[in-house]
C-alpha atoms as a PDB file:
ATOM      1  CA  MET A   1       3.402  54.140 -68.922  1.00  0.00           C
ATOM      2  CA  SER A   2       6.207  56.203 -67.354  1.00  0.00           C
ATOM      3  CA  ALA A   3       6.595  56.089 -63.595  1.00  0.00           C
ATOM      4  CA  ALA A   4       7.066  60.072 -63.762  1.00  0.00           C
ATOM      5  CA  ALA A   5       3.877  60.443 -65.737  1.00  0.00           C
ATOM      6  CA  VAL A   6       1.412  63.075 -64.440  1.00  0.00           C
ATOM      7  CA  PRO A   7      -1.500  61.043 -63.340  1.00  0.00           C
ATOM      8  CA  GLY A   8      -4.961  61.806 -65.032  1.00  0.00           C
ATOM      9  CA  LEU A   9      -6.587  61.866 -61.615  1.00  0.00           C
ATOM     10  CA  ALA A  10      -4.865  61.986 -58.137  1.00  0.00           C
ATOM     11  CA  VAL A  11      -6.647  62.221 -54.751  1.00  0.00           C
ATOM     12  CA  ARG A  12      -4.421  63.251 -51.939  1.00  0.00           C
ATOM     13  CA  GLY A  13      -5.222  62.949 -48.267  1.00  0.00           C
ATOM     14  CA  ALA A  14      -8.914  62.814 -48.878  1.00  0.00           C
ATOM     15  CA  SER A  15     -11.005  62.824 -45.661  1.00  0.00           C
ATOM     16  CA  LYS A  16     -14.662  63.012 -45.041  1.00  0.00           C
ATOM     17  CA  THR A  17     -17.064  62.634 -42.132  1.00  0.00           C
ATOM     18  CA  PHE A  18     -20.710  62.514 -41.679  1.00  0.00           C
ATOM     19  CA  GLY A  19     -21.371  63.490 -37.920  1.00  0.00           C
ATOM     20  CA  ALA A  20     -19.353  61.012 -35.953  1.00  0.00           C
ATOM     21  CA  VAL A  21     -18.853  58.510 -38.834  1.00  0.00           C
ATOM     22  CA  VAL A  22     -15.594  58.607 -40.587  1.00  0.00           C
ATOM     23  CA  ALA A  23     -16.243  57.833 -44.128  1.00  0.00           C
ATOM     24  CA  LEU A  24     -12.813  58.510 -45.684  1.00  0.00           C
ATOM     25  CA  ASP A  25      -9.648  58.721 -43.657  1.00  0.00           C
ATOM     26  CA  ARG A  26      -6.640  60.360 -45.540  1.00  0.00           C
ATOM     27  CA  VAL A  27      -7.144  58.428 -48.763  1.00  0.00           C
ATOM     28  CA  ASP A  28      -4.602  58.623 -51.521  1.00  0.00           C
ATOM     29  CA  LEU A  29      -5.255  57.285 -55.011  1.00  0.00           C
ATOM     30  CA  GLU A  30      -3.883  57.852 -58.574  1.00  0.00           C
ATOM     31  CA  VAL A  31      -5.023  56.734 -61.965  1.00  0.00           C
ATOM     32  CA  GLN A  32      -3.233  57.304 -65.194  1.00  0.00           C
ATOM     33  CA  HIS A  33      -4.576  57.978 -68.658  1.00  0.00           C
ATOM     34  CA  GLY A  34      -5.005  54.663 -70.397  1.00  0.00           C
ATOM     35  CA  GLU A  35      -5.423  52.707 -67.295  1.00  0.00           C
ATOM     36  CA  VAL A  36      -8.335  50.811 -65.565  1.00  0.00           C
ATOM     37  CA  LEU A  37      -8.115  51.129 -61.744  1.00  0.00           C
ATOM     38  CA  ALA A  38     -10.284  48.814 -59.772  1.00  0.00           C
ATOM     39  CA  LEU A  39     -11.714  50.174 -56.424  1.00  0.00           C
ATOM     40  CA  LEU A  40     -12.426  47.264 -54.200  1.00  0.00           C
ATOM     41  CA  GLY A  41     -13.813  46.929 -50.710  1.00  0.00           C
ATOM     42  CA  ASP A  42     -16.815  45.595 -48.886  1.00  0.00           C
ATOM     43  CA  ASN A  43     -20.037  47.450 -48.360  1.00  0.00           C
ATOM     44  CA  GLY A  44     -19.314  50.487 -46.169  1.00  0.00           C
ATOM     45  CA  ALA A  45     -15.724  50.582 -47.033  1.00  0.00           C
ATOM     46  CA  GLY A  46     -15.909  54.231 -48.331  1.00  0.00           C
ATOM     47  CA  LYS A  47     -15.858  53.460 -52.190  1.00  0.00           C
ATOM     48  CA  SER A  48     -19.062  55.263 -53.020  1.00  0.00           C
ATOM     49  CA  THR A  49     -18.181  58.293 -50.709  1.00  0.00           C
ATOM     50  CA  LEU A  50     -14.794  58.546 -52.490  1.00  0.00           C
ATOM     51  CA  ILE A  51     -16.210  58.564 -56.142  1.00  0.00           C
ATOM     52  CA  LYS A  52     -18.992  61.046 -54.910  1.00  0.00           C
ATOM     53  CA  CYS A  53     -16.334  63.453 -53.631  1.00  0.00           C
ATOM     54  CA  ILE A  54     -14.321  63.155 -56.882  1.00  0.00           C
ATOM     55  CA  SER A  55     -17.594  63.672 -58.797  1.00  0.00           C
ATOM     56  CA  GLY A  56     -18.555  66.792 -56.779  1.00  0.00           C
ATOM     57  CA  VAL A  57     -21.478  65.323 -55.016  1.00  0.00           C
ATOM     58  CA  HIS A  58     -19.948  65.528 -51.702  1.00  0.00           C
ATOM     59  CA  ARG A  59     -17.228  68.095 -50.643  1.00  0.00           C
ATOM     60  CA  LEU A  60     -14.002  66.775 -48.995  1.00  0.00           C
ATOM     61  CA  ASP A  61     -13.333  67.953 -45.256  1.00  0.00           C
ATOM     62  CA  ALA A  62      -9.623  67.760 -45.975  1.00  0.00           C
ATOM     63  CA  GLY A  63      -7.312  66.788 -48.898  1.00  0.00           C
ATOM     64  CA  SER A  64      -7.247  67.584 -52.509  1.00  0.00           C
ATOM     65  CA  ILE A  65      -8.161  66.364 -56.011  1.00  0.00           C
ATOM     66  CA  GLU A  66      -5.903  66.909 -59.053  1.00  0.00           C
ATOM     67  CA  VAL A  67      -6.854  66.494 -62.649  1.00  0.00           C
ATOM     68  CA  ASP A  68      -3.681  66.260 -65.011  1.00  0.00           C
ATOM     69  CA  GLY A  69      -1.641  67.755 -62.122  1.00  0.00           C
ATOM     70  CA  GLN A  70      -3.989  70.728 -61.428  1.00  0.00           C
ATOM     71  CA  GLU A  71      -5.806  70.948 -58.279  1.00  0.00           C
ATOM     72  CA  VAL A  72      -9.507  71.259 -58.649  1.00  0.00           C
ATOM     73  CA  ALA A  73     -12.062  72.279 -56.039  1.00  0.00           C
ATOM     74  CA  MET A  74     -14.789  69.574 -56.472  1.00  0.00           C
ATOM     75  CA  THR A  75     -17.739  71.854 -55.232  1.00  0.00           C
ATOM     76  CA  SER A  76     -20.386  70.424 -57.462  1.00  0.00           C
ATOM     77  CA  PRO A  77     -21.044  67.879 -60.207  1.00  0.00           C
ATOM     78  CA  ALA A  78     -20.925  70.710 -62.730  1.00  0.00           C
ATOM     79  CA  VAL A  79     -17.409  71.488 -61.673  1.00  0.00           C
ATOM     80  CA  ALA A  80     -16.462  67.805 -61.990  1.00  0.00           C
ATOM     81  CA  ARG A  81     -17.992  67.557 -65.463  1.00  0.00           C
ATOM     82  CA  ALA A  82     -16.226  70.792 -66.501  1.00  0.00           C
ATOM     83  CA  ALA A  83     -12.965  69.183 -65.393  1.00  0.00           C
ATOM     84  CA  GLY A  84     -13.480  66.221 -67.627  1.00  0.00           C
ATOM     85  CA  ILE A  85     -14.788  63.793 -65.146  1.00  0.00           C
ATOM     86  CA  GLU A  86     -18.017  61.649 -65.846  1.00  0.00           C
ATOM     87  CA  THR A  87     -19.540  59.115 -63.455  1.00  0.00           C
ATOM     88  CA  VAL A  88     -21.974  56.246 -64.233  1.00  0.00           C
ATOM     89  CA  TYR A  89     -23.949  55.352 -60.945  1.00  0.00           C
ATOM     90  CA  GLN A  90     -25.756  51.959 -60.788  1.00  0.00           C
ATOM     91  CA  ASP A  91     -29.041  53.683 -61.487  1.00  0.00           C
ATOM     92  CA  LEU A  92     -27.541  54.861 -64.850  1.00  0.00           C
ATOM     93  CA  ALA A  93     -29.807  58.002 -64.965  1.00  0.00           C
ATOM     94  CA  LEU A  94     -31.264  57.138 -68.297  1.00  0.00           C
ATOM     95  CA  PHE A  95     -34.525  58.409 -69.704  1.00  0.00           C
ATOM     96  CA  ASP A  96     -36.499  55.370 -70.892  1.00  0.00           C
ATOM     97  CA  ASN A  97     -38.686  57.433 -73.236  1.00  0.00           C
ATOM     98  CA  LEU A  98     -35.785  58.851 -75.207  1.00  0.00           C
ATOM     99  CA  ASP A  99     -33.600  57.260 -77.814  1.00  0.00           C
ATOM    100  CA  PRO A 100     -29.759  56.933 -77.379  1.00  0.00           C
ATOM    101  CA  THR A 101     -29.201  60.440 -78.976  1.00  0.00           C
ATOM    102  CA  GLY A 102     -31.666  62.005 -76.630  1.00  0.00           C
ATOM    103  CA  ASN A 103     -30.052  60.505 -73.530  1.00  0.00           C
ATOM    104  CA  PHE A 104     -26.572  61.517 -74.681  1.00  0.00           C
ATOM    105  CA  TYR A 105     -27.570  65.121 -74.851  1.00  0.00           C
ATOM    106  CA  ALA A 106     -30.269  65.357 -72.211  1.00  0.00           C
ATOM    107  CA  GLY A 107     -29.496  68.607 -70.492  1.00  0.00           C
ATOM    108  CA  ARG A 108     -26.745  69.393 -72.797  1.00  0.00           C
ATOM    109  CA  GLU A 109     -28.733  69.862 -76.156  1.00  0.00           C
ATOM    110  CA  LEU A 110     -26.885  71.454 -79.054  1.00  0.00           C
ATOM    111  CA  ALA A 111     -28.850  74.541 -80.122  1.00  0.00           C
ATOM    112  CA  GLY A 112     -28.300  77.640 -82.368  1.00  0.00           C
ATOM    113  CA  PRO A 113     -27.608  80.029 -83.710  1.00  0.00           C
ATOM    114  CA  SER A 114     -25.590  81.298 -80.727  1.00  0.00           C
ATOM    115  CA  TRP A 115     -26.477  84.992 -81.289  1.00  0.00           C
ATOM    116  CA  MET A 116     -30.266  84.305 -80.620  1.00  0.00           C
ATOM    117  CA  PRO A 117     -31.632  84.422 -77.121  1.00  0.00           C
ATOM    118  CA  ARG A 118     -31.429  80.868 -75.498  1.00  0.00           C
ATOM    119  CA  GLY A 119     -35.104  80.339 -75.506  1.00  0.00           C
ATOM    120  CA  LEU A 120     -35.441  81.037 -79.231  1.00  0.00           C
ATOM    121  CA  ARG A 121     -32.675  78.800 -80.433  1.00  0.00           C
ATOM    122  CA  TRP A 122     -33.626  75.591 -82.260  1.00  0.00           C
ATOM    123  CA  MET A 123     -32.252  72.228 -81.651  1.00  0.00           C
ATOM    124  CA  ARG A 124     -29.492  70.974 -83.778  1.00  0.00           C
ATOM    125  CA  ARG A 125     -30.977  67.444 -84.063  1.00  0.00           C
ATOM    126  CA  ALA A 126     -28.893  66.150 -86.909  1.00  0.00           C
ATOM    127  CA  ASP A 127     -25.668  67.341 -85.263  1.00  0.00           C
ATOM    128  CA  MET A 128     -26.636  65.540 -82.226  1.00  0.00           C
ATOM    129  CA  ALA A 129     -27.501  62.289 -83.899  1.00  0.00           C
ATOM    130  CA  ARG A 130     -24.445  62.410 -86.154  1.00  0.00           C
ATOM    131  CA  SER A 131     -22.118  62.893 -82.984  1.00  0.00           C
ATOM    132  CA  ALA A 132     -23.955  60.171 -80.979  1.00  0.00           C
ATOM    133  CA  ALA A 133     -23.559  57.859 -84.020  1.00  0.00           C
ATOM    134  CA  GLU A 134     -19.904  58.485 -84.246  1.00  0.00           C
ATOM    135  CA  ILE A 135     -19.351  57.743 -80.522  1.00  0.00           C
ATOM    136  CA  VAL A 136     -21.523  54.450 -80.574  1.00  0.00           C
ATOM    137  CA  ASP A 137     -19.439  53.339 -83.744  1.00  0.00           C
ATOM    138  CA  ARG A 138     -16.052  54.298 -82.295  1.00  0.00           C
ATOM    139  CA  LEU A 139     -16.783  52.231 -79.087  1.00  0.00           C
ATOM    140  CA  GLN A 140     -18.480  49.537 -81.065  1.00  0.00           C
ATOM    141  CA  VAL A 141     -21.712  49.522 -79.073  1.00  0.00           C
ATOM    142  CA  SER A 142     -24.174  46.969 -80.464  1.00  0.00           C
ATOM    143  CA  LEU A 143     -27.719  48.337 -80.309  1.00  0.00           C
ATOM    144  CA  PRO A 144     -30.903  46.908 -82.066  1.00  0.00           C
ATOM    145  CA  ALA A 145     -31.977  50.194 -83.572  1.00  0.00           C
ATOM    146  CA  ARG A 146     -30.551  53.672 -82.859  1.00  0.00           C
ATOM    147  CA  SER A 147     -33.997  55.155 -83.078  1.00  0.00           C
ATOM    148  CA  ALA A 148     -35.407  52.806 -80.340  1.00  0.00           C
ATOM    149  CA  THR A 149     -36.130  54.076 -76.867  1.00  0.00           C
ATOM    150  CA  VAL A 150     -33.799  53.096 -74.080  1.00  0.00           C
ATOM    151  CA  GLY A 151     -36.772  51.495 -72.390  1.00  0.00           C
ATOM    152  CA  MET A 152     -36.893  48.902 -75.006  1.00  0.00           C
ATOM    153  CA  MET A 153     -33.317  47.761 -74.625  1.00  0.00           C
ATOM    154  CA  SER A 154     -31.742  45.101 -72.493  1.00  0.00           C
ATOM    155  CA  GLY A 155     -29.789  45.762 -69.264  1.00  0.00           C
ATOM    156  CA  GLY A 156     -26.445  45.387 -71.255  1.00  0.00           C
ATOM    157  CA  GLN A 157     -27.312  47.693 -73.974  1.00  0.00           C
ATOM    158  CA  ARG A 158     -28.737  50.325 -71.399  1.00  0.00           C
ATOM    159  CA  GLN A 159     -25.401  50.016 -69.488  1.00  0.00           C
ATOM    160  CA  ALA A 160     -23.478  50.439 -72.724  1.00  0.00           C
ATOM    161  CA  ILE A 161     -25.397  53.515 -73.598  1.00  0.00           C
ATOM    162  CA  ALA A 162     -24.708  55.098 -70.187  1.00  0.00           C
ATOM    163  CA  VAL A 163     -20.930  54.396 -70.431  1.00  0.00           C
ATOM    164  CA  ALA A 164     -20.769  55.582 -74.088  1.00  0.00           C
ATOM    165  CA  ARG A 165     -22.559  58.723 -72.933  1.00  0.00           C
ATOM    166  CA  SER A 166     -20.064  59.357 -70.296  1.00  0.00           C
ATOM    167  CA  SER A 167     -17.176  58.889 -72.721  1.00  0.00           C
ATOM    168  CA  ALA A 168     -18.709  61.439 -74.918  1.00  0.00           C
ATOM    169  CA  PHE A 169     -18.049  64.235 -72.504  1.00  0.00           C
ATOM    170  CA  ALA A 170     -15.228  62.840 -70.208  1.00  0.00           C
ATOM    171  CA  SER A 171     -11.997  64.219 -71.601  1.00  0.00           C
ATOM    172  CA  LYS A 172     -10.076  62.901 -68.611  1.00  0.00           C
ATOM    173  CA  VAL A 173     -11.760  60.299 -66.320  1.00  0.00           C
ATOM    174  CA  VAL A 174     -14.580  57.902 -66.425  1.00  0.00           C
ATOM    175  CA  ILE A 175     -15.946  56.348 -63.196  1.00  0.00           C
ATOM    176  CA  LEU A 176     -18.152  53.361 -63.228  1.00  0.00           C
ATOM    177  CA  ASP A 177     -20.093  52.195 -60.145  1.00  0.00           C
ATOM    178  CA  GLU A 178     -20.833  48.259 -60.431  1.00  0.00           C
ATOM    179  CA  PRO A 179     -21.066  48.327 -64.304  1.00  0.00           C
ATOM    180  CA  THR A 180     -21.779  44.593 -64.446  1.00  0.00           C
ATOM    181  CA  ALA A 181     -24.120  44.298 -61.674  1.00  0.00           C
ATOM    182  CA  ALA A 182     -27.404  42.364 -62.345  1.00  0.00           C
ATOM    183  CA  LEU A 183     -26.166  41.614 -65.931  1.00  0.00           C
ATOM    184  CA  GLY A 184     -26.029  38.239 -67.520  1.00  0.00           C
ATOM    185  CA  VAL A 185     -22.858  36.743 -68.985  1.00  0.00           C
ATOM    186  CA  ARG A 186     -23.374  37.999 -72.564  1.00  0.00           C
ATOM    187  CA  GLU A 187     -24.345  41.436 -71.362  1.00  0.00           C
ATOM    188  CA  SER A 188     -21.418  41.698 -69.008  1.00  0.00           C
ATOM    189  CA  ARG A 189     -19.111  40.652 -71.820  1.00  0.00           C
ATOM    190  CA  GLN A 190     -20.286  43.605 -73.911  1.00  0.00           C
ATOM    191  CA  VAL A 191     -19.718  46.054 -71.021  1.00  0.00           C
ATOM    192  CA  LEU A 192     -16.316  44.673 -70.169  1.00  0.00           C
ATOM    193  CA  ASP A 193     -15.324  45.060 -73.860  1.00  0.00           C
ATOM    194  CA  LEU A 194     -16.452  48.602 -73.845  1.00  0.00           C
ATOM    195  CA  ILE A 195     -14.396  49.514 -70.715  1.00  0.00           C
ATOM    196  CA  MET A 196     -11.305  48.027 -72.412  1.00  0.00           C
ATOM    197  CA  ARG A 197     -11.968  50.109 -75.383  1.00  0.00           C
ATOM    198  CA  LEU A 198     -12.308  53.277 -73.365  1.00  0.00           C
ATOM    199  CA  ARG A 199      -8.838  52.476 -71.776  1.00  0.00           C
ATOM    200  CA  ASP A 200      -7.378  52.059 -75.321  1.00  0.00           C
ATOM    201  CA  HIS A 201      -8.710  55.438 -76.280  1.00  0.00           C
ATOM    202  CA  GLY A 202      -6.710  56.993 -73.438  1.00  0.00           C
ATOM    203  CA  CYS A 203      -9.405  57.389 -70.653  1.00  0.00           C
ATOM    204  CA  ALA A 204      -8.421  57.076 -67.085  1.00  0.00           C
ATOM    205  CA  VAL A 205     -11.119  54.607 -65.829  1.00  0.00           C
ATOM    206  CA  ILE A 206     -12.110  53.834 -62.278  1.00  0.00           C
ATOM    207  CA  VAL A 207     -14.306  50.687 -61.705  1.00  0.00           C
ATOM    208  CA  ILE A 208     -16.078  49.746 -58.602  1.00  0.00           C
ATOM    209  CA  SER A 209     -16.908  46.154 -58.688  1.00  0.00           C
ATOM    210  CA  HIS A 210     -17.473  43.132 -56.569  1.00  0.00           C
ATOM    211  CA  ALA A 211     -16.982  40.681 -59.517  1.00  0.00           C
ATOM    212  CA  MET A 212     -13.214  39.427 -59.002  1.00  0.00           C
ATOM    213  CA  ASP A 213     -13.119  37.550 -62.282  1.00  0.00           C
ATOM    214  CA  HIS A 214     -14.054  40.893 -64.093  1.00  0.00           C
ATOM    215  CA  VAL A 215     -11.451  42.788 -62.166  1.00  0.00           C
ATOM    216  CA  ILE A 216      -8.707  40.400 -62.929  1.00  0.00           C
ATOM    217  CA  GLU A 217      -9.810  40.505 -66.653  1.00  0.00           C
ATOM    218  CA  ILE A 218      -9.969  44.319 -67.136  1.00  0.00           C
ATOM    219  CA  ALA A 219      -8.066  46.200 -64.432  1.00  0.00           C
ATOM    220  CA  ASP A 220      -4.305  47.246 -64.568  1.00  0.00           C
ATOM    221  CA  ARG A 221      -4.266  47.836 -60.804  1.00  0.00           C
ATOM    222  CA  ALA A 222      -6.679  47.167 -57.840  1.00  0.00           C
ATOM    223  CA  VAL A 223      -6.926  49.532 -54.799  1.00  0.00           C
ATOM    224  CA  VAL A 224      -8.628  48.098 -51.784  1.00  0.00           C
ATOM    225  CA  MET A 225     -10.500  50.166 -49.231  1.00  0.00           C
ATOM    226  CA  ARG A 226     -11.732  49.239 -45.793  1.00  0.00           C
ATOM    227  CA  ARG A 227     -13.289  51.225 -43.027  1.00  0.00           C
ATOM    228  CA  GLY A 228     -12.786  54.424 -44.973  1.00  0.00           C
ATOM    229  CA  ARG A 229      -8.918  53.900 -45.679  1.00  0.00           C
ATOM    230  CA  ALA A 230      -6.988  52.688 -48.749  1.00  0.00           C
ATOM    231  CA  VAL A 231      -5.289  49.611 -47.053  1.00  0.00           C
ATOM    232  CA  GLY A 232      -3.429  48.163 -50.110  1.00  0.00           C
ATOM    233  CA  GLU A 233      -2.723  47.960 -53.674  1.00  0.00           C
ATOM    234  CA  GLU A 234      -2.280  44.874 -55.876  1.00  0.00           C
ATOM    235  CA  ILE A 235      -1.960  44.052 -59.512  1.00  0.00           C
ATOM    236  CA  PRO A 236      -5.134  41.950 -60.294  1.00  0.00           C
ATOM    237  CA  ARG A 237      -3.786  38.554 -61.454  1.00  0.00           C
ATOM    238  CA  PRO A 238      -5.205  34.998 -60.476  1.00  0.00           C
ATOM    239  CA  GLU A 239      -2.182  34.364 -58.320  1.00  0.00           C
ATOM    240  CA  ASN A 240      -2.958  37.537 -56.191  1.00  0.00           C
ATOM    241  CA  ARG A 241      -6.740  36.897 -55.806  1.00  0.00           C
ATOM    242  CA  ALA A 242      -6.174  35.375 -52.221  1.00  0.00           C
ATOM    243  CA  ARG A 243      -4.172  38.436 -51.261  1.00  0.00           C
ATOM    244  CA  ILE A 244      -6.747  40.881 -52.561  1.00  0.00           C
ATOM    245  CA  VAL A 245      -9.531  39.029 -50.831  1.00  0.00           C
ATOM    246  CA  SER A 246      -7.637  39.121 -47.575  1.00  0.00           C
ATOM    247  CA  LEU A 247      -7.168  42.890 -47.891  1.00  0.00           C
ATOM    248  CA  ILE A 248     -11.004  43.395 -48.537  1.00  0.00           C
ATOM    249  CA  VAL A 249     -12.172  41.233 -45.493  1.00  0.00           C
ATOM    250  CA  GLY A 250      -9.242  42.283 -43.241  1.00  0.00           C
ATOM    251  CA  GLY A 251      -7.529  38.950 -43.078  1.00  0.00           C
ATOM    252  CA  ASP A 252      -4.245  40.815 -42.611  1.00  0.00           C
ATOM    253  CA  ASP A 253      -5.203  42.561 -39.369  1.00  0.00           C
END
């Protein structure tokens, strides 16, 4: 990865307040294509606010967001998705009564022919099923049955479906909020492997996590936030663990 490479995502001087509360204070952040960036910090550090600004849920009060070197005004989630950014929050936003294909294309159904009025078009179910199957195969997602409803699947399988769905539509950046929270060892392993495959396929991946062992395993860099500021950056290695923890808790103050 060249030092001069244009980052897949760049945040410049991001600031956001909610009344008298300063949630973000001039935050700078970059992530390259084919890189996993861990975003670390205690509760209330500003991590969730930052990813919501990147995802268009909140608007920045000051600063800018660039995708592949082009500034994008993130005024809504639809704008972020159009820019190639997909976010998987902790609640996953899955429909338990739908199968993986239904969840992949919920709200983005393929329908045609295009010359017909929208309300009269018919669903291209075979095309959607084929596309979803290709994504599942490419990312090596293990499912009990592709026709099974998501509500019948394990936590790890549900998380994998949510991540795979994001990769289907994210041409630039995938953001994952606590992807292994509340998962067992085996299910966490499946999700971590999936994140590394996303990186190998050229995605810029941002992961929020409190699991330091997972961060050390999958992340190429770690940015630590505290009190709304980006206070440090480290390479996540076992020998740097104490330094990272110190940045998180403020031991260097």
